[in-house]
Structures are given as structure tokens and as C-alpha cells.
PDB file of N, CA and C in Angstrom:
ATOM      1  N   UNK A   1       0.834  -1.173   0.000  1.00  0.00           N
ATOM      2  CA  UNK A   1       0.000   0.000   0.000  1.00  0.00           C
ATOM      3  C   UNK A   1       0.886   1.246   0.000  1.00  0.00           C
ATOM      4  N   UNK A   2       0.473   2.245  -0.744  1.00  0.00           N
ATOM      5  CA  UNK A   2       1.288   3.449  -0.871  1.00  0.00           C
ATOM      6  C   UNK A   2       1.210   4.321   0.379  1.00  0.00           C
ATOM      7  N   UNK A   3       2.301   5.060   0.637  1.00  0.00           N
ATOM      8  CA  UNK A   3       2.378   5.919   1.821  1.00  0.00           C
ATOM      9  C   UNK A   3       1.351   7.039   1.801  1.00  0.00           C
ATOM     10  N   UNK A   4       1.028   7.583   0.620  1.00  0.00           N
ATOM     11  CA  UNK A   4       0.120   8.714   0.578  1.00  0.00           C
ATOM     12  C   UNK A   4      -1.301   8.319   0.980  1.00  0.00           C
ATOM     13  N   UNK A   5      -1.611   7.021   0.996  1.00  0.00           N
ATOM     14  CA  UNK A   5      -2.916   6.589   1.456  1.00  0.00           C
ATOM     15  C   UNK A   5      -2.974   6.652   2.983  1.00  0.00           C
ATOM     16  N   UNK A   6      -1.808   6.739   3.620  1.00  0.00           N
ATOM     17  CA  UNK A   6      -1.720   6.913   5.067  1.00  0.00           C
ATOM     18  C   UNK A   6      -0.969   8.219   5.343  1.00  0.00           C
ATOM     19  N   UNK A   7      -1.643   9.355   5.162  1.00  0.00           N
ATOM     20  CA  UNK A   7      -0.959  10.636   5.346  1.00  0.00           C
ATOM     21  C   UNK A   7      -0.535  10.863   6.792  1.00  0.00           C
ATOM     22  N   UNK A   8       0.451  11.701   6.952  1.00  0.00           N
ATOM     23  CA  UNK A   8       0.989  12.039   8.261  1.00  0.00           C
ATOM     24  C   UNK A   8       0.014  12.961   8.993  1.00  0.00           C
ATOM     25  N   UNK A   9      -0.488  12.506  10.131  1.00  0.00           N
ATOM     26  CA  UNK A   9      -1.471  13.282  10.903  1.00  0.00           C
ATOM     27  C   UNK A   9      -0.925  14.646  11.315  1.00  0.00           C
ATOM     28  N   UNK A  10       0.340  14.703  11.706  1.00  0.00           N
ATOM     29  CA  UNK A  10       0.926  15.959  12.156  1.00  0.00           C
ATOM     30  C   UNK A  10       1.025  16.969  11.015  1.00  0.00           C
ATOM     31  N   UNK A  11       1.398  16.500   9.844  1.00  0.00           N
ATOM     32  CA  UNK A  11       1.507  17.391   8.684  1.00  0.00           C
ATOM     33  C   UNK A  11       0.127  17.950   8.328  1.00  0.00           C
ATOM     34  N   UNK A  12      -0.877  17.087   8.308  1.00  0.00           N
ATOM     35  CA  UNK A  12      -2.240  17.525   7.993  1.00  0.00           C
ATOM     36  C   UNK A  12      -2.745  18.486   9.071  1.00  0.00           C
ATOM     37  N   UNK A  13      -2.499  18.162  10.336  1.00  0.00           N
ATOM     38  CA  UNK A  13      -2.959  19.015  11.438  1.00  0.00           C
ATOM     39  C   UNK A  13      -2.326  20.398  11.392  1.00  0.00           C
ATOM     40  N   UNK A  14      -1.090  20.484  10.938  1.00  0.00           N
ATOM     41  CA  UNK A  14      -0.396  21.769  10.834  1.00  0.00           C
ATOM     42  C   UNK A  14      -0.896  22.574   9.639  1.00  0.00           C
ATOM     43  N   UNK A  15      -1.110  21.920   8.514  1.00  0.00           N
ATOM     44  CA  UNK A  15      -1.495  22.619   7.287  1.00  0.00           C
ATOM     45  C   UNK A  15      -2.981  22.954   7.229  1.00  0.00           C
ATOM     46  N   UNK A  16      -3.834  22.174   7.897  1.00  0.00           N
ATOM     47  CA  UNK A  16      -5.279  22.365   7.794  1.00  0.00           C
ATOM     48  C   UNK A  16      -5.748  23.760   8.233  1.00  0.00           C
ATOM     49  N   UNK A  17      -5.272  24.298   9.365  1.00  0.00           N
ATOM     50  CA  UNK A  17      -5.707  25.650   9.753  1.00  0.00           C
ATOM     51  C   UNK A  17      -5.334  26.726   8.728  1.00  0.00           C
ATOM     52  N   UNK A  18      -4.191  26.558   8.066  1.00  0.00           N
ATOM     53  CA  UNK A  18      -3.786  27.511   7.032  1.00  0.00           C
ATOM     54  C   UNK A  18      -4.753  27.456   5.849  1.00  0.00           C
ATOM     55  N   UNK A  19      -5.156  26.249   5.483  1.00  0.00           N
ATOM     56  CA  UNK A  19      -6.120  26.102   4.388  1.00  0.00           C
ATOM     57  C   UNK A  19      -7.465  26.704   4.794  1.00  0.00           C
ATOM     58  N   UNK A  20      -7.928  26.429   6.013  1.00  0.00           N
ATOM     59  CA  UNK A  20      -9.193  26.987   6.478  1.00  0.00           C
ATOM     60  C   UNK A  20      -9.174  28.512   6.423  1.00  0.00           C
ATOM     61  N   UNK A  21      -8.072  29.096   6.856  1.00  0.00           N
ATOM     62  CA  UNK A  21      -7.951  30.560   6.822  1.00  0.00           C
ATOM     63  C   UNK A  21      -8.010  31.067   5.385  1.00  0.00           C
ATOM     64  N   UNK A  22      -7.289  30.396   4.477  1.00  0.00           N
ATOM     65  CA  UNK A  22      -7.303  30.805   3.072  1.00  0.00           C
ATOM     66  C   UNK A  22      -8.709  30.665   2.484  1.00  0.00           C
ATOM     67  N   UNK A  23      -9.390  29.549   2.761  1.00  0.00           N
ATOM     68  CA  UNK A  23     -10.739  29.345   2.240  1.00  0.00           C
ATOM     69  C   UNK A  23     -11.706  30.396   2.793  1.00  0.00           C
ATOM     70  N   UNK A  24     -11.602  30.704   4.085  1.00  0.00           N
ATOM     71  CA  UNK A  24     -12.470  31.709   4.687  1.00  0.00           C
ATOM     72  C   UNK A  24     -12.221  33.088   4.077  1.00  0.00           C
ATOM     73  N   UNK A  25     -10.959  33.441   3.916  1.00  0.00           N
ATOM     74  CA  UNK A  25     -10.607  34.753   3.378  1.00  0.00           C
ATOM     75  C   UNK A  25     -10.948  34.876   1.897  1.00  0.00           C
ATOM     76  N   UNK A  26     -10.617  33.843   1.131  1.00  0.00           N
ATOM     77  CA  UNK A  26     -10.760  33.908  -0.319  1.00  0.00           C
ATOM     78  C   UNK A  26     -12.162  33.576  -0.807  1.00  0.00           C
ATOM     79  N   UNK A  27     -12.751  32.533  -0.250  1.00  0.00           N
ATOM     80  CA  UNK A  27     -14.026  32.044  -0.759  1.00  0.00           C
ATOM     81  C   UNK A  27     -15.189  32.203   0.222  1.00  0.00           C
ATOM     82  N   UNK A  28     -14.890  32.623   1.438  1.00  0.00           N
ATOM     83  CA  UNK A  28     -15.932  32.713   2.447  1.00  0.00           C
ATOM     84  C   UNK A  28     -16.502  31.356   2.805  1.00  0.00           C
ATOM     85  N   UNK A  29     -15.659  30.339   2.726  1.00  0.00           N
ATOM     86  CA  UNK A  29     -16.075  28.950   2.930  1.00  0.00           C
ATOM     87  C   UNK A  29     -15.707  28.511   4.341  1.00  0.00           C
ATOM     88  N   UNK A  30     -16.572  27.737   4.945  1.00  0.00           N
ATOM     89  CA  UNK A  30     -16.276  27.214   6.271  1.00  0.00           C
ATOM     90  C   UNK A  30     -15.334  26.018   6.167  1.00  0.00           C
ATOM     91  N   UNK A  31     -15.021  25.457   7.309  1.00  0.00           N
ATOM     92  CA  UNK A  31     -14.115  24.308   7.308  1.00  0.00           C
ATOM     93  C   UNK A  31     -14.875  22.992   7.230  1.00  0.00           C
ATOM     94  N   UNK A  32     -16.161  23.017   6.940  1.00  0.00           N
ATOM     95  CA  UNK A  32     -16.967  21.819   6.798  1.00  0.00           C
ATOM     96  C   UNK A  32     -16.475  21.016   5.588  1.00  0.00           C
ATOM     97  N   UNK A  33     -16.107  19.761   5.820  1.00  0.00           N
ATOM     98  CA  UNK A  33     -15.566  18.940   4.731  1.00  0.00           C
ATOM     99  C   UNK A  33     -16.537  18.820   3.565  1.00  0.00           C
ATOM    100  N   UNK A  34     -17.810  18.568   3.856  1.00  0.00           N
ATOM    101  CA  UNK A  34     -18.773  18.435   2.767  1.00  0.00           C
ATOM    102  C   UNK A  34     -18.892  19.721   1.956  1.00  0.00           C
ATOM    103  N   UNK A  35     -18.832  20.860   2.620  1.00  0.00           N
ATOM    104  CA  UNK A  35     -18.893  22.136   1.910  1.00  0.00           C
ATOM    105  C   UNK A  35     -17.706  22.338   0.993  1.00  0.00           C
ATOM    106  N   UNK A  36     -16.528  21.976   1.472  1.00  0.00           N
ATOM    107  CA  UNK A  36     -15.317  22.099   0.660  1.00  0.00           C
ATOM    108  C   UNK A  36     -15.372  21.117  -0.508  1.00  0.00           C
ATOM    109  N   UNK A  37     -15.789  19.878  -0.232  1.00  0.00           N
ATOM    110  CA  UNK A  37     -15.899  18.882  -1.302  1.00  0.00           C
ATOM    111  C   UNK A  37     -16.954  19.284  -2.330  1.00  0.00           C
ATOM    112  N   UNK A  38     -18.035  19.919  -1.875  1.00  0.00           N
ATOM    113  CA  UNK A  38     -19.064  20.431  -2.777  1.00  0.00           C
ATOM    114  C   UNK A  38     -18.452  21.463  -3.738  1.00  0.00           C
ATOM    115  N   UNK A  39     -17.682  22.405  -3.188  1.00  0.00           N
ATOM    116  CA  UNK A  39     -17.052  23.427  -4.032  1.00  0.00           C
ATOM    117  C   UNK A  39     -16.096  22.810  -5.048  1.00  0.00           C
ATOM    118  N   UNK A  40     -15.331  21.824  -4.612  1.00  0.00           N
ATOM    119  CA  UNK A  40     -14.398  21.150  -5.524  1.00  0.00           C
ATOM    120  C   UNK A  40     -15.179  20.403  -6.595  1.00  0.00           C
ATOM    121  N   UNK A  41     -16.230  19.702  -6.209  1.00  0.00           N
ATOM    122  CA  UNK A  41     -17.062  18.984  -7.179  1.00  0.00           C
ATOM    123  C   UNK A  41     -17.686  19.921  -8.184  1.00  0.00           C
ATOM    124  N   UNK A  42     -18.136  21.070  -7.726  1.00  0.00           N
ATOM    125  CA  UNK A  42     -18.722  22.082  -8.604  1.00  0.00           C
ATOM    126  C   UNK A  42     -17.681  22.582  -9.596  1.00  0.00           C
ATOM    127  N   UNK A  43     -16.489  22.854  -9.095  1.00  0.00           N
ATOM    128  CA  UNK A  43     -15.399  23.331  -9.954  1.00  0.00           C
ATOM    129  C   UNK A  43     -15.003  22.283 -10.994  1.00  0.00           C
ATOM    130  N   UNK A  44     -14.850  21.060 -10.562  1.00  0.00           N
ATOM    131  CA  UNK A  44     -14.360  20.004 -11.445  1.00  0.00           C
ATOM    132  C   UNK A  44     -15.405  19.504 -12.432  1.00  0.00           C
ATOM    133  N   UNK A  45     -16.676  19.678 -12.125  1.00  0.00           N
ATOM    134  CA  UNK A  45     -17.713  19.194 -13.036  1.00  0.00           C
ATOM    135  C   UNK A  45     -18.011  20.186 -14.144  1.00  0.00           C
ATOM    136  N   UNK A  46     -17.566  21.435 -13.990  1.00  0.00           N
ATOM    137  CA  UNK A  46     -17.818  22.490 -14.984  1.00  0.00           C
ATOM    138  C   UNK A  46     -19.306  22.728 -15.218  1.00  0.00           C
ATOM    139  N   UNK A  47     -20.135  22.460 -14.224  1.00  0.00           N
ATOM    140  CA  UNK A  47     -21.574  22.618 -14.398  1.00  0.00           C
ATOM    141  C   UNK A  47     -22.064  24.013 -14.026  1.00  0.00           C
ATOM    142  N   UNK A  48     -21.326  24.720 -13.208  1.00  0.00           N
ATOM    143  CA  UNK A  48     -21.786  26.018 -12.747  1.00  0.00           C
ATOM    144  C   UNK A  48     -22.749  25.863 -11.584  1.00  0.00           C
ATOM    145  N   UNK A  49     -22.831  26.893 -10.782  1.00  0.00           N
ATOM    146  CA  UNK A  49     -23.663  26.835  -9.593  1.00  0.00           C
ATOM    147  C   UNK A  49     -25.122  27.108  -9.939  1.00  0.00           C
ATOM    148  N   UNK A  50     -25.988  26.283  -9.423  1.00  0.00           N
ATOM    149  CA  UNK A  50     -27.431  26.462  -9.529  1.00  0.00           C
ATOM    150  C   UNK A  50     -27.949  26.694  -8.111  1.00  0.00           C
ATOM    151  N   UNK A  51     -28.570  27.832  -7.844  1.00  0.00           N
ATOM    152  CA  UNK A  51     -28.987  28.128  -6.475  1.00  0.00           C
ATOM    153  C   UNK A  51     -30.057  27.185  -5.913  1.00  0.00           C
ATOM    154  N   UNK A  52     -30.819  26.535  -6.748  1.00  0.00           N
ATOM    155  CA  UNK A  52     -31.912  25.683  -6.265  1.00  0.00           C
ATOM    156  C   UNK A  52     -31.643  24.196  -6.486  1.00  0.00           C
ATOM    157  N   UNK A  53     -30.400  23.771  -6.288  1.00  0.00           N
ATOM    158  CA  UNK A  53     -30.070  22.361  -6.453  1.00  0.00           C
ATOM    159  C   UNK A  53     -30.805  21.517  -5.416  1.00  0.00           C
ATOM    160  N   UNK A  54     -31.286  20.366  -5.841  1.00  0.00           N
ATOM    161  CA  UNK A  54     -31.920  19.465  -4.880  1.00  0.00           C
ATOM    162  C   UNK A  54     -30.847  18.709  -4.097  1.00  0.00           C
ATOM    163  N   UNK A  55     -31.272  18.045  -3.051  1.00  0.00           N
ATOM    164  CA  UNK A  55     -30.338  17.357  -2.157  1.00  0.00           C
ATOM    165  C   UNK A  55     -29.504  16.308  -2.888  1.00  0.00           C
ATOM    166  N   UNK A  56     -30.118  15.549  -3.794  1.00  0.00           N
ATOM    167  CA  UNK A  56     -29.395  14.510  -4.541  1.00  0.00           C
ATOM    168  C   UNK A  56     -28.309  15.115  -5.421  1.00  0.00           C
ATOM    169  N   UNK A  57     -28.594  16.255  -6.043  1.00  0.00           N
ATOM    170  CA  UNK A  57     -27.598  16.920  -6.897  1.00  0.00           C
ATOM    171  C   UNK A  57     -26.433  17.451  -6.070  1.00  0.00           C
ATOM    172  N   UNK A  58     -26.752  17.993  -4.900  1.00  0.00           N
ATOM    173  CA  UNK A  58     -25.694  18.477  -4.015  1.00  0.00           C
ATOM    174  C   UNK A  58     -24.809  17.322  -3.557  1.00  0.00           C
ATOM    175  N   UNK A  59     -25.431  16.196  -3.212  1.00  0.00           N
ATOM    176  CA  UNK A  59     -24.659  15.033  -2.777  1.00  0.00           C
ATOM    177  C   UNK A  59     -23.794  14.508  -3.913  1.00  0.00           C
ATOM    178  N   UNK A  60     -24.314  14.546  -5.117  1.00  0.00           N
ATOM    179  CA  UNK A  60     -23.535  14.107  -6.285  1.00  0.00           C
ATOM    180  C   UNK A  60     -22.292  14.974  -6.458  1.00  0.00           C
ATOM    181  N   UNK A  61     -22.427  16.277  -6.223  1.00  0.00           N
ATOM    182  CA  UNK A  61     -21.279  17.177  -6.312  1.00  0.00           C
ATOM    183  C   UNK A  61     -20.278  16.930  -5.184  1.00  0.00           C
ATOM    184  N   UNK A  62     -20.760  16.612  -3.992  1.00  0.00           N
ATOM    185  CA  UNK A  62     -19.859  16.251  -2.887  1.00  0.00           C
ATOM    186  C   UNK A  62     -19.091  14.987  -3.257  1.00  0.00           C
ATOM    187  N   UNK A  63     -19.781  14.010  -3.829  1.00  0.00           N
ATOM    188  CA  UNK A  63     -19.111  12.777  -4.259  1.00  0.00           C
ATOM    189  C   UNK A  63     -18.075  13.069  -5.333  1.00  0.00           C
ATOM    190  N   UNK A  64     -18.416  13.933  -6.275  1.00  0.00           N
ATOM    191  CA  UNK A  64     -17.476  14.313  -7.338  1.00  0.00           C
ATOM    192  C   UNK A  64     -16.228  14.955  -6.728  1.00  0.00           C
ATOM    193  N   UNK A  65     -16.439  15.850  -5.760  1.00  0.00           N
ATOM    194  CA  UNK A  65     -15.313  16.480  -5.071  1.00  0.00           C
ATOM    195  C   UNK A  65     -14.459  15.464  -4.333  1.00  0.00           C
ATOM    196  N   UNK A  66     -15.107  14.484  -3.728  1.00  0.00           N
ATOM    197  CA  UNK A  66     -14.377  13.432  -3.020  1.00  0.00           C
ATOM    198  C   UNK A  66     -13.485  12.656  -3.975  1.00  0.00           C
ATOM    199  N   UNK A  67     -14.027  12.246  -5.101  1.00  0.00           N
ATOM    200  CA  UNK A  67     -13.223  11.534  -6.092  1.00  0.00           C
ATOM    201  C   UNK A  67     -12.064  12.401  -6.589  1.00  0.00           C
ATOM    202  N   UNK A  68     -12.320  13.687  -6.773  1.00  0.00           N
ATOM    203  CA  UNK A  68     -11.271  14.588  -7.263  1.00  0.00           C
ATOM    204  C   UNK A  68     -10.098  14.688  -6.292  1.00  0.00           C
ATOM    205  N   UNK A  69     -10.407  14.824  -4.993  1.00  0.00           N
ATOM    206  CA  UNK A  69      -9.298  14.938  -4.043  1.00  0.00           C
ATOM    207  C   UNK A  69      -8.598  13.597  -3.856  1.00  0.00           C
ATOM    208  N   UNK A  70      -9.348  12.502  -3.943  1.00  0.00           N
ATOM    209  CA  UNK A  70      -8.699  11.188  -3.847  1.00  0.00           C
ATOM    210  C   UNK A  70      -7.891  10.879  -5.094  1.00  0.00           C
ATOM    211  N   UNK A  71      -8.269  11.474  -6.211  1.00  0.00           N
ATOM    212  CA  UNK A  71      -7.465  11.334  -7.433  1.00  0.00           C
ATOM    213  C   UNK A  71      -6.086  11.954  -7.228  1.00  0.00           C
ATOM    214  N   UNK A  72      -6.044  13.081  -6.526  1.00  0.00           N
ATOM    215  CA  UNK A  72      -4.763  13.755  -6.256  1.00  0.00           C
ATOM    216  C   UNK A  72      -3.818  12.872  -5.450  1.00  0.00           C
ATOM    217  N   UNK A  73      -4.390  11.939  -4.700  1.00  0.00           N
ATOM    218  CA  UNK A  73      -3.585  11.020  -3.894  1.00  0.00           C
ATOM    219  C   UNK A  73      -3.328   9.706  -4.617  1.00  0.00           C
ATOM    220  N   UNK A  74      -3.827   9.592  -5.842  1.00  0.00           N
ATOM    221  CA  UNK A  74      -3.609   8.381  -6.621  1.00  0.00           C
ATOM    222  C   UNK A  74      -4.573   7.254  -6.312  1.00  0.00           C
ATOM    223  N   UNK A  75      -5.669   7.544  -5.614  1.00  0.00           N
ATOM    224  CA  UNK A  75      -6.631   6.506  -5.239  1.00  0.00           C
ATOM    225  C   UNK A  75      -7.640   6.208  -6.352  1.00  0.00           C
ATOM    226  N   UNK A  76      -7.933   7.195  -7.186  1.00  0.00           N
ATOM    227  CA  UNK A  76      -8.878   7.044  -8.291  1.00  0.00           C
ATOM    228  C   UNK A  76      -8.302   7.724  -9.522  1.00  0.00           C
ATOM    229  N   UNK A  77      -8.855   7.373 -10.673  1.00  0.00           N
ATOM    230  CA  UNK A  77      -8.500   8.100 -11.889  1.00  0.00           C
ATOM    231  C   UNK A  77      -9.733   8.271 -12.763  1.00  0.00           C
ATOM    232  N   UNK A  78      -9.735   9.355 -13.521  1.00  0.00           N
ATOM    233  CA  UNK A  78     -10.836   9.644 -14.434  1.00  0.00           C
ATOM    234  C   UNK A  78     -10.659   8.805 -15.689  1.00  0.00           C
ATOM    235  N   UNK A  79     -11.737   8.150 -16.091  1.00  0.00           N
ATOM    236  CA  UNK A  79     -11.651   7.292 -17.275  1.00  0.00           C
ATOM    237  C   UNK A  79     -12.640   7.701 -18.357  1.00  0.00           C
ATOM    238  N   UNK A  80     -13.390   8.758 -18.137  1.00  0.00           N
ATOM    239  CA  UNK A  80     -14.346   9.240 -19.123  1.00  0.00           C
ATOM    240  C   UNK A  80     -15.362  10.144 -18.462  1.00  0.00           C
ATOM    241  N   UNK A  81     -16.344  10.553 -19.275  1.00  0.00           N
ATOM    242  CA  UNK A  81     -17.423  11.413 -18.763  1.00  0.00           C
ATOM    243  C   UNK A  81     -18.769  10.793 -19.057  1.00  0.00           C
ATOM    244  N   UNK A  82     -19.682  10.970 -18.121  1.00  0.00           N
ATOM    245  CA  UNK A  82     -21.057  10.546 -18.342  1.00  0.00           C
ATOM    246  C   UNK A  82     -21.762  11.607 -19.177  1.00  0.00           C
ATOM    247  N   UNK A  83     -22.919  11.287 -19.705  1.00  0.00           N
ATOM    248  CA  UNK A  83     -23.646  12.240 -20.551  1.00  0.00           C
ATOM    249  C   UNK A  83     -24.087  13.485 -19.776  1.00  0.00           C
ATOM    250  N   UNK A  84     -24.239  13.379 -18.447  1.00  0.00           N
ATOM    251  CA  UNK A  84     -24.654  14.535 -17.650  1.00  0.00           C
ATOM    252  C   UNK A  84     -23.478  15.405 -17.221  1.00  0.00           C
ATOM    253  N   UNK A  85     -22.256  15.084 -17.693  1.00  0.00           N
ATOM    254  CA  UNK A  85     -21.088  15.912 -17.423  1.00  0.00           C
ATOM    255  C   UNK A  85     -20.224  15.461 -16.265  1.00  0.00           C
ATOM    256  N   UNK A  86     -20.709  14.535 -15.465  1.00  0.00           N
ATOM    257  CA  UNK A  86     -19.897  14.051 -14.355  1.00  0.00           C
ATOM    258  C   UNK A  86     -18.854  13.055 -14.852  1.00  0.00           C
ATOM    259  N   UNK A  87     -17.761  12.996 -14.117  1.00  0.00           N
ATOM    260  CA  UNK A  87     -16.676  12.081 -14.491  1.00  0.00           C
ATOM    261  C   UNK A  87     -17.024  10.643 -14.139  1.00  0.00           C
ATOM    262  N   UNK A  88     -16.439   9.733 -14.878  1.00  0.00           N
ATOM    263  CA  UNK A  88     -16.495   8.303 -14.554  1.00  0.00           C
ATOM    264  C   UNK A  88     -15.158   7.989 -13.889  1.00  0.00           C
ATOM    265  N   UNK A  89     -15.213   7.351 -12.736  1.00  0.00           N
ATOM    266  CA  UNK A  89     -14.017   7.110 -11.916  1.00  0.00           C
ATOM    267  C   UNK A  89     -13.719   5.626 -11.816  1.00  0.00           C
ATOM    268  N   UNK A  90     -12.436   5.328 -11.794  1.00  0.00           N
ATOM    269  CA  UNK A  90     -11.993   3.956 -11.604  1.00  0.00           C
ATOM    270  C   UNK A  90     -11.046   3.922 -10.407  1.00  0.00           C
ATOM    271  N   UNK A  91     -11.328   3.069  -9.424  1.00  0.00           N
ATOM    272  CA  UNK A  91     -10.439   2.996  -8.257  1.00  0.00           C
ATOM    273  C   UNK A  91      -9.158   2.244  -8.596  1.00  0.00           C
ATOM    274  N   UNK A  92      -8.115   2.565  -7.850  1.00  0.00           N
ATOM    275  CA  UNK A  92      -6.883   1.803  -7.962  1.00  0.00           C
ATOM    276  C   UNK A  92      -6.975   0.621  -7.019  1.00  0.00           C
ATOM    277  N   UNK A  93      -6.366  -0.469  -7.415  1.00  0.00           N
ATOM    278  CA  UNK A  93      -6.526  -1.709  -6.656  1.00  0.00           C
ATOM    279  C   UNK A  93      -5.924  -1.668  -5.261  1.00  0.00           C
ATOM    280  N   UNK A  94      -5.004  -0.736  -4.986  1.00  0.00           N
ATOM    281  CA  UNK A  94      -4.385  -0.709  -3.667  1.00  0.00           C
ATOM    282  C   UNK A  94      -5.117   0.205  -2.682  1.00  0.00           C
ATOM    283  N   UNK A  95      -6.290   0.674  -3.036  1.00  0.00           N
ATOM    284  CA  UNK A  95      -7.096   1.470  -2.122  1.00  0.00           C
ATOM    285  C   UNK A  95      -7.649   0.554  -1.033  1.00  0.00           C
ATOM    286  N   UNK A  96      -7.490   0.931   0.233  1.00  0.00           N
ATOM    287  CA  UNK A  96      -8.000   0.074   1.317  1.00  0.00           C
ATOM    288  C   UNK A  96      -9.515  -0.084   1.218  1.00  0.00           C
ATOM    289  N   UNK A  97      -9.988  -1.290   1.459  1.00  0.00           N
ATOM    290  CA  UNK A  97     -11.427  -1.542   1.382  1.00  0.00           C
ATOM    291  C   UNK A  97     -12.154  -0.975   2.589  1.00  0.00           C
ATOM    292  N   UNK A  98     -11.552  -1.035   3.755  1.00  0.00           N
ATOM    293  CA  UNK A  98     -12.178  -0.523   4.968  1.00  0.00           C
ATOM    294  C   UNK A  98     -11.217   0.410   5.688  1.00  0.00           C
ATOM    295  N   UNK A  99     -11.765   1.544   6.113  1.00  0.00           N
ATOM    296  CA  UNK A  99     -10.986   2.514   6.872  1.00  0.00           C
ATOM    297  C   UNK A  99     -11.872   3.045   7.991  1.00  0.00           C
ATOM    298  N   UNK A 100     -11.254   3.381   9.117  1.00  0.00           N
ATOM    299  CA  UNK A 100     -12.019   4.002  10.198  1.00  0.00           C
ATOM    300  C   UNK A 100     -12.459   5.395   9.751  1.00  0.00           C
ATOM    301  N   UNK A 101     -13.459   5.938  10.413  1.00  0.00           N
ATOM    302  CA  UNK A 101     -13.934   7.275  10.042  1.00  0.00           C
ATOM    303  C   UNK A 101     -12.835   8.312  10.275  1.00  0.00           C
ATOM    304  N   UNK A 102     -12.015   8.095  11.278  1.00  0.00           N
ATOM    305  CA  UNK A 102     -10.888   8.990  11.542  1.00  0.00           C
ATOM    306  C   UNK A 102      -9.877   8.958  10.398  1.00  0.00           C
ATOM    307  N   UNK A 103      -9.582   7.758   9.902  1.00  0.00           N
ATOM    308  CA  UNK A 103      -8.652   7.626   8.778  1.00  0.00           C
ATOM    309  C   UNK A 103      -9.250   8.186   7.492  1.00  0.00           C
ATOM    310  N   UNK A 104     -10.558   8.013   7.300  1.00  0.00           N
ATOM    311  CA  UNK A 104     -11.219   8.589   6.127  1.00  0.00           C
ATOM    312  C   UNK A 104     -11.135  10.116   6.159  1.00  0.00           C
ATOM    313  N   UNK A 105     -11.395  10.675   7.331  1.00  0.00           N
ATOM    314  CA  UNK A 105     -11.322  12.124   7.499  1.00  0.00           C
ATOM    315  C   UNK A 105      -9.917  12.630   7.203  1.00  0.00           C
ATOM    316  N   UNK A 106      -8.925  11.950   7.734  1.00  0.00           N
ATOM    317  CA  UNK A 106      -7.533  12.328   7.503  1.00  0.00           C
ATOM    318  C   UNK A 106      -7.186  12.251   6.019  1.00  0.00           C
ATOM    319  N   UNK A 107      -7.618  11.188   5.354  1.00  0.00           N
ATOM    320  CA  UNK A 107      -7.344  11.019   3.931  1.00  0.00           C
ATOM    321  C   UNK A 107      -8.003  12.128   3.112  1.00  0.00           C
ATOM    322  N   UNK A 108      -9.251  12.450   3.426  1.00  0.00           N
ATOM    323  CA  UNK A 108      -9.935  13.531   2.704  1.00  0.00           C
ATOM    324  C   UNK A 108      -9.254  14.876   2.939  1.00  0.00           C
ATOM    325  N   UNK A 109      -8.870  15.146   4.175  1.00  0.00           N
ATOM    326  CA  UNK A 109      -8.173  16.409   4.462  1.00  0.00           C
ATOM    327  C   UNK A 109      -6.846  16.475   3.719  1.00  0.00           C
ATOM    328  N   UNK A 110      -6.105  15.366   3.691  1.00  0.00           N
ATOM    329  CA  UNK A 110      -4.836  15.339   2.955  1.00  0.00           C
ATOM    330  C   UNK A 110      -5.076  15.580   1.464  1.00  0.00           C
ATOM    331  N   UNK A 111      -6.117  14.970   0.913  1.00  0.00           N
ATOM    332  CA  UNK A 111      -6.444  15.171  -0.495  1.00  0.00           C
ATOM    333  C   UNK A 111      -6.864  16.601  -0.787  1.00  0.00           C
ATOM    334  N   UNK A 112      -7.647  17.191   0.110  1.00  0.00           N
ATOM    335  CA  UNK A 112      -8.068  18.581  -0.059  1.00  0.00           C
ATOM    336  C   UNK A 112      -6.851  19.503   0.007  1.00  0.00           C
ATOM    337  N   UNK A 113      -5.954  19.254   0.957  1.00  0.00           N
ATOM    338  CA  UNK A 113      -4.724  20.050   1.050  1.00  0.00           C
ATOM    339  C   UNK A 113      -3.909  19.941  -0.238  1.00  0.00           C
ATOM    340  N   UNK A 114      -3.831  18.756  -0.774  1.00  0.00           N
ATOM    341  CA  UNK A 114      -3.095  18.560  -2.026  1.00  0.00           C
ATOM    342  C   UNK A 114      -3.789  19.288  -3.172  1.00  0.00           C
ATOM    343  N   UNK A 115      -5.111  19.251  -3.187  1.00  0.00           N
ATOM    344  CA  UNK A 115      -5.884  19.916  -4.234  1.00  0.00           C
ATOM    345  C   UNK A 115      -5.615  21.424  -4.242  1.00  0.00           C
ATOM    346  N   UNK A 116      -5.555  22.034  -3.062  1.00  0.00           N
ATOM    347  CA  UNK A 116      -5.347  23.482  -2.954  1.00  0.00           C
ATOM    348  C   UNK A 116      -3.884  23.880  -2.771  1.00  0.00           C
ATOM    349  N   UNK A 117      -2.988  22.938  -2.887  1.00  0.00           N
ATOM    350  CA  UNK A 117      -1.569  23.173  -2.603  1.00  0.00           C
ATOM    351  C   UNK A 117      -0.994  24.373  -3.363  1.00  0.00           C
ATOM    352  N   UNK A 118      -1.295  24.481  -4.640  1.00  0.00           N
ATOM    353  CA  UNK A 118      -0.711  25.580  -5.422  1.00  0.00           C
ATOM    354  C   UNK A 118      -1.238  26.951  -5.001  1.00  0.00           C
ATOM    355  N   UNK A 119      -2.395  26.999  -4.352  1.00  0.00           N
ATOM    356  CA  UNK A 119      -2.917  28.267  -3.854  1.00  0.00           C
ATOM    357  C   UNK A 119      -2.263  28.675  -2.539  1.00  0.00           C
ATOM    358  N   UNK A 120      -1.797  27.688  -1.796  1.00  0.00           N
ATOM    359  CA  UNK A 120      -1.254  27.958  -0.457  1.00  0.00           C
ATOM    360  C   UNK A 120       0.232  28.249  -0.460  1.00  0.00           C
ATOM    361  N   UNK A 121       0.910  27.995  -1.560  1.00  0.00           N
ATOM    362  CA  UNK A 121       2.364  28.227  -1.605  1.00  0.00           C
ATOM    363  C   UNK A 121       2.694  29.602  -2.138  1.00  0.00           C
TER     364      UNK A 121
END
């Protein structure tokens, strides 16, 4: 299993507040993971923001954002597009099948940090 699938907790804990500050200042975004993943999904899907999105559409964008940040860690890759504009994702075989919620949170935060890395440097 690759090391990036097990990110360093201390590195993430140190960098996360800096990202939260940048997101709050630049985008007015909170530190809520789903909110950040929603924004990433919206950006990556090229669909544009619709103010009256239903709950299922919002969840689909959160899922899209999740795949995007996990792609940055090498856990998934884009293999095409669906007719509705969303990406088709293929997992890599070395992705752990089961992770604790704490490890999932850490992995998502590491992926989000990697996604915004060029903005923070």
C-alpha cells in the first residue's frame, strides 16, 4: 500500500488551519468537509452553480469532489465522462477496502490540502 494513502497526521494538522484561513478569506467557505468537497465537485464538473439544487444533486457534487481529491492522492483516476457531465471514476486496486472514520477524514483532508496546494504556496 502506498504511503500517501496513510498521510501524516501531524503534517495535515499543521497545514489544515492555514487552508481553512485561506478558504475563509478567499471564498468565504467554512471548514466543513462536505462544503469544501461540494465546491471542488462544482469546480471540477464544470456545471456552474445552480442556487436551487436538490439534495441529490448536491450530494452528487460532494461525491465528485471526493473523487477529485482522492485522485490527487492516486486513489482514483478519471476514465471518461457521463452524458450529464460528471466524471467516470476507476479505483486503484491498492485502495483500502475498509478505513475508520478517523482515517477517512484524515485522507480527505490530505487530499483537499493537495488539491489546494498551489494556492497555499
